[in-house]
Amino acid sequence: MRRCTRCGSELNERAKVCPVCGTPVDGERAHLRRMVVAMLVAAVVVAALLVVRSRQLGLGGAGVTSEAAAVAMWAPLH
């Protein structure tokens, strides 16, 4: 039998909330889902910022080494 993650009481297999404290049984999955979505959004934002920064510096063309691109990427704009 399953147990509530908050109060530890026994849960029916079909229960959607704990009958004692009212905690949603699927709360752990919902929290994990929110964390995954937040991480994906953060990754997309960081990637977009890197693309914008590289275009500002004009590093989109050929002939730029990856080391030079990395140094220029973090240099302040003047």
PDB file of N, CA and C in Angstrom:
ATOM      1  N   MET A   1       0.841  -1.181   0.000  1.00  0.00           N
ATOM      2  CA  MET A   1       0.000   0.000   0.000  1.00  0.00           C
ATOM      3  C   MET A   1       0.887   1.246   0.000  1.00  0.00           C
ATOM      4  N   ARG A   2       0.466   2.275  -0.711  1.00  0.00           N
ATOM      5  CA  ARG A   2       1.226   3.517  -0.790  1.00  0.00           C
ATOM      6  C   ARG A   2       1.026   4.348   0.462  1.00  0.00           C
ATOM      7  N   ARG A   3       1.977   5.259   0.676  1.00  0.00           N
ATOM      8  CA  ARG A   3       1.905   6.160   1.820  1.00  0.00           C
ATOM      9  C   ARG A   3       2.039   7.598   1.334  1.00  0.00           C
ATOM     10  N   CYS A   4       1.427   8.495   2.073  1.00  0.00           N
ATOM     11  CA  CYS A   4       1.496   9.927   1.774  1.00  0.00           C
ATOM     12  C   CYS A   4       2.915  10.422   2.025  1.00  0.00           C
ATOM     13  N   THR A   5       3.420  11.252   1.121  1.00  0.00           N
ATOM     14  CA  THR A   5       4.777  11.772   1.288  1.00  0.00           C
ATOM     15  C   THR A   5       4.854  12.849   2.362  1.00  0.00           C
ATOM     16  N   ARG A   6       3.742  13.466   2.711  1.00  0.00           N
ATOM     17  CA  ARG A   6       3.741  14.522   3.721  1.00  0.00           C
ATOM     18  C   ARG A   6       3.478  13.969   5.129  1.00  0.00           C
ATOM     19  N   CYS A   7       2.390  13.217   5.305  1.00  0.00           N
ATOM     20  CA  CYS A   7       2.023  12.789   6.665  1.00  0.00           C
ATOM     21  C   CYS A   7       2.273  11.306   6.929  1.00  0.00           C
ATOM     22  N   GLY A   8       2.516  10.520   5.879  1.00  0.00           N
ATOM     23  CA  GLY A   8       2.828   9.111   6.066  1.00  0.00           C
ATOM     24  C   GLY A   8       1.628   8.194   6.197  1.00  0.00           C
ATOM     25  N   SER A   9       0.414   8.711   6.099  1.00  0.00           N
ATOM     26  CA  SER A   9      -0.766   7.843   6.233  1.00  0.00           C
ATOM     27  C   SER A   9      -0.909   6.955   4.993  1.00  0.00           C
ATOM     28  N   GLU A  10      -1.588   5.823   5.188  1.00  0.00           N
ATOM     29  CA  GLU A  10      -1.793   4.887   4.086  1.00  0.00           C
ATOM     30  C   GLU A  10      -2.790   5.461   3.090  1.00  0.00           C
ATOM     31  N   LEU A  11      -2.510   5.205   1.800  1.00  0.00           N
ATOM     32  CA  LEU A  11      -3.354   5.721   0.729  1.00  0.00           C
ATOM     33  C   LEU A  11      -3.980   4.579  -0.058  1.00  0.00           C
ATOM     34  N   ASN A  12      -5.192   4.787  -0.466  1.00  0.00           N
ATOM     35  CA  ASN A  12      -5.859   3.875  -1.372  1.00  0.00           C
ATOM     36  C   ASN A  12      -5.135   3.951  -2.712  1.00  0.00           C
ATOM     37  N   GLU A  13      -5.102   2.866  -3.463  1.00  0.00           N
ATOM     38  CA  GLU A  13      -4.411   2.848  -4.748  1.00  0.00           C
ATOM     39  C   GLU A  13      -4.999   3.853  -5.741  1.00  0.00           C
ATOM     40  N   ARG A  14      -6.273   4.166  -5.612  1.00  0.00           N
ATOM     41  CA  ARG A  14      -6.925   5.100  -6.538  1.00  0.00           C
ATOM     42  C   ARG A  14      -7.021   6.524  -5.992  1.00  0.00           C
ATOM     43  N   ALA A  15      -6.471   6.761  -4.825  1.00  0.00           N
ATOM     44  CA  ALA A  15      -6.584   8.082  -4.200  1.00  0.00           C
ATOM     45  C   ALA A  15      -5.818   9.125  -4.989  1.00  0.00           C
ATOM     46  N   LYS A  16      -6.422  10.275  -5.148  1.00  0.00           N
ATOM     47  CA  LYS A  16      -5.762  11.395  -5.826  1.00  0.00           C
ATOM     48  C   LYS A  16      -5.222  12.402  -4.818  1.00  0.00           C
ATOM     49  N   VAL A  17      -5.797  12.412  -3.613  1.00  0.00           N
ATOM     50  CA  VAL A  17      -5.307  13.249  -2.523  1.00  0.00           C
ATOM     51  C   VAL A  17      -5.295  12.418  -1.247  1.00  0.00           C
ATOM     52  N   CYS A  18      -4.447  12.805  -0.315  1.00  0.00           N
ATOM     53  CA  CYS A  18      -4.380  12.116   0.975  1.00  0.00           C
ATOM     54  C   CYS A  18      -5.649  12.443   1.759  1.00  0.00           C
ATOM     55  N   PRO A  19      -6.334  11.435   2.308  1.00  0.00           N
ATOM     56  CA  PRO A  19      -7.554  11.703   3.066  1.00  0.00           C
ATOM     57  C   PRO A  19      -7.294  12.385   4.410  1.00  0.00           C
ATOM     58  N   VAL A  20      -6.060  12.357   4.905  1.00  0.00           N
ATOM     59  CA  VAL A  20      -5.744  12.940   6.200  1.00  0.00           C
ATOM     60  C   VAL A  20      -5.305  14.403   6.065  1.00  0.00           C
ATOM     61  N   CYS A  21      -4.331  14.662   5.173  1.00  0.00           N
ATOM     62  CA  CYS A  21      -3.788  16.026   5.085  1.00  0.00           C
ATOM     63  C   CYS A  21      -4.147  16.749   3.786  1.00  0.00           C
ATOM     64  N   GLY A  22      -4.700  16.048   2.810  1.00  0.00           N
ATOM     65  CA  GLY A  22      -5.127  16.687   1.568  1.00  0.00           C
ATOM     66  C   GLY A  22      -4.029  16.902   0.536  1.00  0.00           C
ATOM     67  N   THR A  23      -2.834  16.366   0.776  1.00  0.00           N
ATOM     68  CA  THR A  23      -1.736  16.512  -0.177  1.00  0.00           C
ATOM     69  C   THR A  23      -2.042  15.723  -1.446  1.00  0.00           C
ATOM     70  N   PRO A  24      -1.874  16.339  -2.619  1.00  0.00           N
ATOM     71  CA  PRO A  24      -2.077  15.581  -3.861  1.00  0.00           C
ATOM     72  C   PRO A  24      -1.093  14.418  -3.943  1.00  0.00           C
ATOM     73  N   VAL A  25      -1.585  13.256  -4.320  1.00  0.00           N
ATOM     74  CA  VAL A  25      -0.745  12.064  -4.397  1.00  0.00           C
ATOM     75  C   VAL A  25       0.250  12.216  -5.535  1.00  0.00           C
ATOM     76  N   ASP A  26      -0.135  12.894  -6.598  1.00  0.00           N
ATOM     77  CA  ASP A  26       0.727  13.061  -7.754  1.00  0.00           C
ATOM     78  C   ASP A  26       1.621  14.287  -7.597  1.00  0.00           C
ATOM     79  N   GLY A  27       1.788  14.801  -6.405  1.00  0.00           N
ATOM     80  CA  GLY A  27       2.562  16.015  -6.172  1.00  0.00           C
ATOM     81  C   GLY A  27       4.013  15.905  -6.571  1.00  0.00           C
ATOM     82  N   GLU A  28       4.634  14.746  -6.349  1.00  0.00           N
ATOM     83  CA  GLU A  28       6.040  14.566  -6.694  1.00  0.00           C
ATOM     84  C   GLU A  28       6.228  14.638  -8.205  1.00  0.00           C
ATOM     85  N   ARG A  29       5.344  14.025  -8.939  1.00  0.00           N
ATOM     86  CA  ARG A  29       5.454  14.051 -10.397  1.00  0.00           C
ATOM     87  C   ARG A  29       5.227  15.460 -10.928  1.00  0.00           C
ATOM     88  N   ALA A  30       4.272  16.174 -10.361  1.00  0.00           N
ATOM     89  CA  ALA A  30       4.001  17.537 -10.795  1.00  0.00           C
ATOM     90  C   ALA A  30       5.205  18.425 -10.514  1.00  0.00           C
ATOM     91  N   HIS A  31       5.849  18.246  -9.370  1.00  0.00           N
ATOM     92  CA  HIS A  31       7.034  19.031  -9.026  1.00  0.00           C
ATOM     93  C   HIS A  31       8.167  18.718  -9.999  1.00  0.00           C
ATOM     94  N   LEU A  32       8.385  17.450 -10.287  1.00  0.00           N
ATOM     95  CA  LEU A  32       9.424  17.049 -11.225  1.00  0.00           C
ATOM     96  C   LEU A  32       9.138  17.627 -12.607  1.00  0.00           C
ATOM     97  N   ARG A  33       7.891  17.589 -13.023  1.00  0.00           N
ATOM     98  CA  ARG A  33       7.500  18.126 -14.320  1.00  0.00           C
ATOM     99  C   ARG A  33       7.795  19.633 -14.394  1.00  0.00           C
ATOM    100  N   ARG A  34       7.467  20.365 -13.326  1.00  0.00           N
ATOM    101  CA  ARG A  34       7.741  21.800 -13.302  1.00  0.00           C
ATOM    102  C   ARG A  34       9.241  22.077 -13.369  1.00  0.00           C
ATOM    103  N   MET A  35      10.035  21.279 -12.681  1.00  0.00           N
ATOM    104  CA  MET A  35      11.481  21.463 -12.700  1.00  0.00           C
ATOM    105  C   MET A  35      12.058  21.208 -14.090  1.00  0.00           C
ATOM    106  N   VAL A  36      11.578  20.179 -14.764  1.00  0.00           N
ATOM    107  CA  VAL A  36      12.064  19.872 -16.111  1.00  0.00           C
ATOM    108  C   VAL A  36      11.711  21.007 -17.064  1.00  0.00           C
ATOM    109  N   VAL A  37      10.493  21.507 -16.985  1.00  0.00           N
ATOM    110  CA  VAL A  37      10.083  22.618 -17.847  1.00  0.00           C
ATOM    111  C   VAL A  37      10.930  23.856 -17.563  1.00  0.00           C
ATOM    112  N   ALA A  38      11.185  24.147 -16.305  1.00  0.00           N
ATOM    113  CA  ALA A  38      11.995  25.309 -15.940  1.00  0.00           C
ATOM    114  C   ALA A  38      13.419  25.171 -16.483  1.00  0.00           C
ATOM    115  N   MET A  39      13.996  23.986 -16.393  1.00  0.00           N
ATOM    116  CA  MET A  39      15.346  23.762 -16.906  1.00  0.00           C
ATOM    117  C   MET A  39      15.387  23.909 -18.429  1.00  0.00           C
ATOM    118  N   LEU A  40      14.379  23.415 -19.118  1.00  0.00           N
ATOM    119  CA  LEU A  40      14.332  23.556 -20.568  1.00  0.00           C
ATOM    120  C   LEU A  40      14.204  25.017 -20.984  1.00  0.00           C
ATOM    121  N   VAL A  41      13.363  25.752 -20.290  1.00  0.00           N
ATOM    122  CA  VAL A  41      13.208  27.181 -20.588  1.00  0.00           C
ATOM    123  C   VAL A  41      14.525  27.910 -20.345  1.00  0.00           C
ATOM    124  N   ALA A  42      15.199  27.595 -19.259  1.00  0.00           N
ATOM    125  CA  ALA A  42      16.481  28.228 -18.961  1.00  0.00           C
ATOM    126  C   ALA A  42      17.515  27.903 -20.038  1.00  0.00           C
ATOM    127  N   ALA A  43      17.544  26.669 -20.503  1.00  0.00           N
ATOM    128  CA  ALA A  43      18.492  26.276 -21.541  1.00  0.00           C
ATOM    129  C   ALA A  43      18.218  27.027 -22.847  1.00  0.00           C
ATOM    130  N   VAL A  44      16.951  27.183 -23.194  1.00  0.00           N
ATOM    131  CA  VAL A  44      16.593  27.907 -24.416  1.00  0.00           C
ATOM    132  C   VAL A  44      16.989  29.377 -24.288  1.00  0.00           C
ATOM    133  N   VAL A  45      16.763  29.971 -23.142  1.00  0.00           N
ATOM    134  CA  VAL A  45      17.124  31.379 -22.932  1.00  0.00           C
ATOM    135  C   VAL A  45      18.640  31.563 -23.031  1.00  0.00           C
ATOM    136  N   VAL A  46      19.399  30.690 -22.410  1.00  0.00           N
ATOM    137  CA  VAL A  46      20.857  30.791 -22.465  1.00  0.00           C
ATOM    138  C   VAL A  46      21.338  30.621 -23.908  1.00  0.00           C
ATOM    139  N   ALA A  47      20.793  29.646 -24.627  1.00  0.00           N
ATOM    140  CA  ALA A  47      21.188  29.442 -26.022  1.00  0.00           C
ATOM    141  C   ALA A  47      20.858  30.672 -26.866  1.00  0.00           C
ATOM    142  N   ALA A  48      19.692  31.257 -26.649  1.00  0.00           N
ATOM    143  CA  ALA A  48      19.311  32.453 -27.408  1.00  0.00           C
ATOM    144  C   ALA A  48      20.244  33.614 -27.096  1.00  0.00           C
ATOM    145  N   LEU A  49      20.599  33.785 -25.838  1.00  0.00           N
ATOM    146  CA  LEU A  49      21.525  34.855 -25.467  1.00  0.00           C
ATOM    147  C   LEU A  49      22.902  34.654 -26.102  1.00  0.00           C
ATOM    148  N   LEU A  50      23.363  33.416 -26.155  1.00  0.00           N
ATOM    149  CA  LEU A  50      24.650  33.144 -26.785  1.00  0.00           C
ATOM    150  C   LEU A  50      24.609  33.426 -28.281  1.00  0.00           C
ATOM    151  N   VAL A  51      23.515  33.093 -28.935  1.00  0.00           N
ATOM    152  CA  VAL A  51      23.377  33.368 -30.366  1.00  0.00           C
ATOM    153  C   VAL A  51      23.353  34.873 -30.614  1.00  0.00           C
ATOM    154  N   VAL A  52      22.594  35.595 -29.826  1.00  0.00           N
ATOM    155  CA  VAL A  52      22.522  37.050 -29.973  1.00  0.00           C
ATOM    156  C   VAL A  52      23.894  37.668 -29.736  1.00  0.00           C
ATOM    157  N   ARG A  53      24.575  37.218 -28.709  1.00  0.00           N
ATOM    158  CA  ARG A  53      25.905  37.764 -28.377  1.00  0.00           C
ATOM    159  C   ARG A  53      26.898  37.485 -29.500  1.00  0.00           C
ATOM    160  N   SER A  54      26.868  36.288 -30.074  1.00  0.00           N
ATOM    161  CA  SER A  54      27.801  35.963 -31.149  1.00  0.00           C
ATOM    162  C   SER A  54      27.501  36.789 -32.395  1.00  0.00           C
ATOM    163  N   ARG A  55      26.240  37.061 -32.647  1.00  0.00           N
ATOM    164  CA  ARG A  55      25.893  37.898 -33.795  1.00  0.00           C
ATOM    165  C   ARG A  55      26.296  39.346 -33.567  1.00  0.00           C
ATOM    166  N   GLN A  56      26.209  39.813 -32.333  1.00  0.00           N
ATOM    167  CA  GLN A  56      26.640  41.182 -32.020  1.00  0.00           C
ATOM    168  C   GLN A  56      28.139  41.337 -32.259  1.00  0.00           C
ATOM    169  N   LEU A  57      28.879  40.293 -31.987  1.00  0.00           N
ATOM    170  CA  LEU A  57      30.323  40.346 -32.139  1.00  0.00           C
ATOM    171  C   LEU A  57      30.773  40.009 -33.557  1.00  0.00           C
ATOM    172  N   GLY A  58      29.842  39.604 -34.407  1.00  0.00           N
ATOM    173  CA  GLY A  58      30.180  39.277 -35.783  1.00  0.00           C
ATOM    174  C   GLY A  58      30.963  37.997 -35.917  1.00  0.00           C
ATOM    175  N   LEU A  59      30.686  37.043 -35.058  1.00  0.00           N
ATOM    176  CA  LEU A  59      31.422  35.781 -35.086  1.00  0.00           C
ATOM    177  C   LEU A  59      30.699  34.705 -35.882  1.00  0.00           C
ATOM    178  N   GLY A  60      29.709  35.083 -36.607  1.00  0.00           N
ATOM    179  CA  GLY A  60      28.958  34.092 -37.366  1.00  0.00           C
ATOM    180  C   GLY A  60      29.675  33.632 -38.616  1.00  0.00           C
ATOM    181  N   GLY A  61      30.716  34.337 -39.064  1.00  0.00           N
ATOM    182  CA  GLY A  61      31.407  34.006 -40.301  1.00  0.00           C
ATOM    183  C   GLY A  61      32.467  32.944 -40.120  1.00  0.00           C
ATOM    184  N   ALA A  62      33.044  32.532 -41.244  1.00  0.00           N
ATOM    185  CA  ALA A  62      34.098  31.523 -41.236  1.00  0.00           C
ATOM    186  C   ALA A  62      35.415  32.178 -40.863  1.00  0.00           C
ATOM    187  N   GLY A  63      36.389  31.364 -40.522  1.00  0.00           N
ATOM    188  CA  GLY A  63      37.715  31.860 -40.221  1.00  0.00           C
ATOM    189  C   GLY A  63      37.923  32.245 -38.765  1.00  0.00           C
ATOM    190  N   VAL A  64      36.947  32.090 -37.945  1.00  0.00           N
ATOM    191  CA  VAL A  64      37.074  32.406 -36.531  1.00  0.00           C
ATOM    192  C   VAL A  64      37.270  31.101 -35.783  1.00  0.00           C
ATOM    193  N   THR A  65      38.372  30.987 -35.065  1.00  0.00           N
ATOM    194  CA  THR A  65      38.620  29.757 -34.316  1.00  0.00           C
ATOM    195  C   THR A  65      37.701  29.700 -33.108  1.00  0.00           C
ATOM    196  N   SER A  66      37.462  28.513 -32.633  1.00  0.00           N
ATOM    197  CA  SER A  66      36.576  28.356 -31.483  1.00  0.00           C
ATOM    198  C   SER A  66      37.166  29.018 -30.243  1.00  0.00           C
ATOM    199  N   GLU A  67      38.497  29.025 -30.131  1.00  0.00           N
ATOM    200  CA  GLU A  67      39.129  29.665 -28.979  1.00  0.00           C
ATOM    201  C   GLU A  67      38.942  31.180 -29.031  1.00  0.00           C
ATOM    202  N   ALA A  68      39.117  31.758 -30.212  1.00  0.00           N
ATOM    203  CA  ALA A  68      38.908  33.196 -30.366  1.00  0.00           C
ATOM    204  C   ALA A  68      37.451  33.560 -30.140  1.00  0.00           C
ATOM    205  N   ALA A  69      36.556  32.702 -30.596  1.00  0.00           N
ATOM    206  CA  ALA A  69      35.127  32.945 -30.396  1.00  0.00           C
ATOM    207  C   ALA A  69      34.782  32.901 -28.914  1.00  0.00           C
ATOM    208  N   ALA A  70      35.380  31.972 -28.192  1.00  0.00           N
ATOM    209  CA  ALA A  70      35.096  31.851 -26.761  1.00  0.00           C
ATOM    210  C   ALA A  70      35.610  33.076 -26.009  1.00  0.00           C
ATOM    211  N   VAL A  71      36.788  33.581 -26.373  1.00  0.00           N
ATOM    212  CA  VAL A  71      37.342  34.754 -25.709  1.00  0.00           C
ATOM    213  C   VAL A  71      36.485  35.969 -26.024  1.00  0.00           C
ATOM    214  N   ALA A  72      36.108  36.133 -27.291  1.00  0.00           N
ATOM    215  CA  ALA A  72      35.317  37.288 -27.701  1.00  0.00           C
ATOM    216  C   ALA A  72      33.902  37.241 -27.138  1.00  0.00           C
ATOM    217  N   MET A  73      33.393  36.049 -26.921  1.00  0.00           N
ATOM    218  CA  MET A  73      32.021  35.901 -26.423  1.00  0.00           C
ATOM    219  C   MET A  73      31.856  36.548 -25.062  1.00  0.00           C
ATOM    220  N   TRP A  74      32.888  36.475 -24.243  1.00  0.00           N
ATOM    221  CA  TRP A  74      32.773  36.986 -22.874  1.00  0.00           C
ATOM    222  C   TRP A  74      33.404  38.348 -22.694  1.00  0.00           C
ATOM    223  N   ALA A  75      33.947  38.910 -23.771  1.00  0.00           N
ATOM    224  CA  ALA A  75      34.524  40.250 -23.687  1.00  0.00           C
ATOM    225  C   ALA A  75      33.400  41.276 -23.646  1.00  0.00           C
ATOM    226  N   PRO A  76      33.558  42.342 -22.891  1.00  0.00           N
ATOM    227  CA  PRO A  76      32.511  43.356 -22.829  1.00  0.00           C
ATOM    228  C   PRO A  76      32.398  44.117 -24.152  1.00  0.00           C
ATOM    229  N   LEU A  77      31.186  44.518 -24.473  1.00  0.00           N
ATOM    230  CA  LEU A  77      30.963  45.313 -25.662  1.00  0.00           C
ATOM    231  C   LEU A  77      31.345  46.766 -25.392  1.00  0.00           C
ATOM    232  N   HIS A  78      31.940  47.396 -26.374  1.00  0.00           N
ATOM    233  CA  HIS A  78      32.321  48.816 -26.220  1.00  0.00           C
ATOM    234  C   HIS A  78      31.609  49.645 -27.237  1.00  0.00           C
TER     235      HIS A  78
END
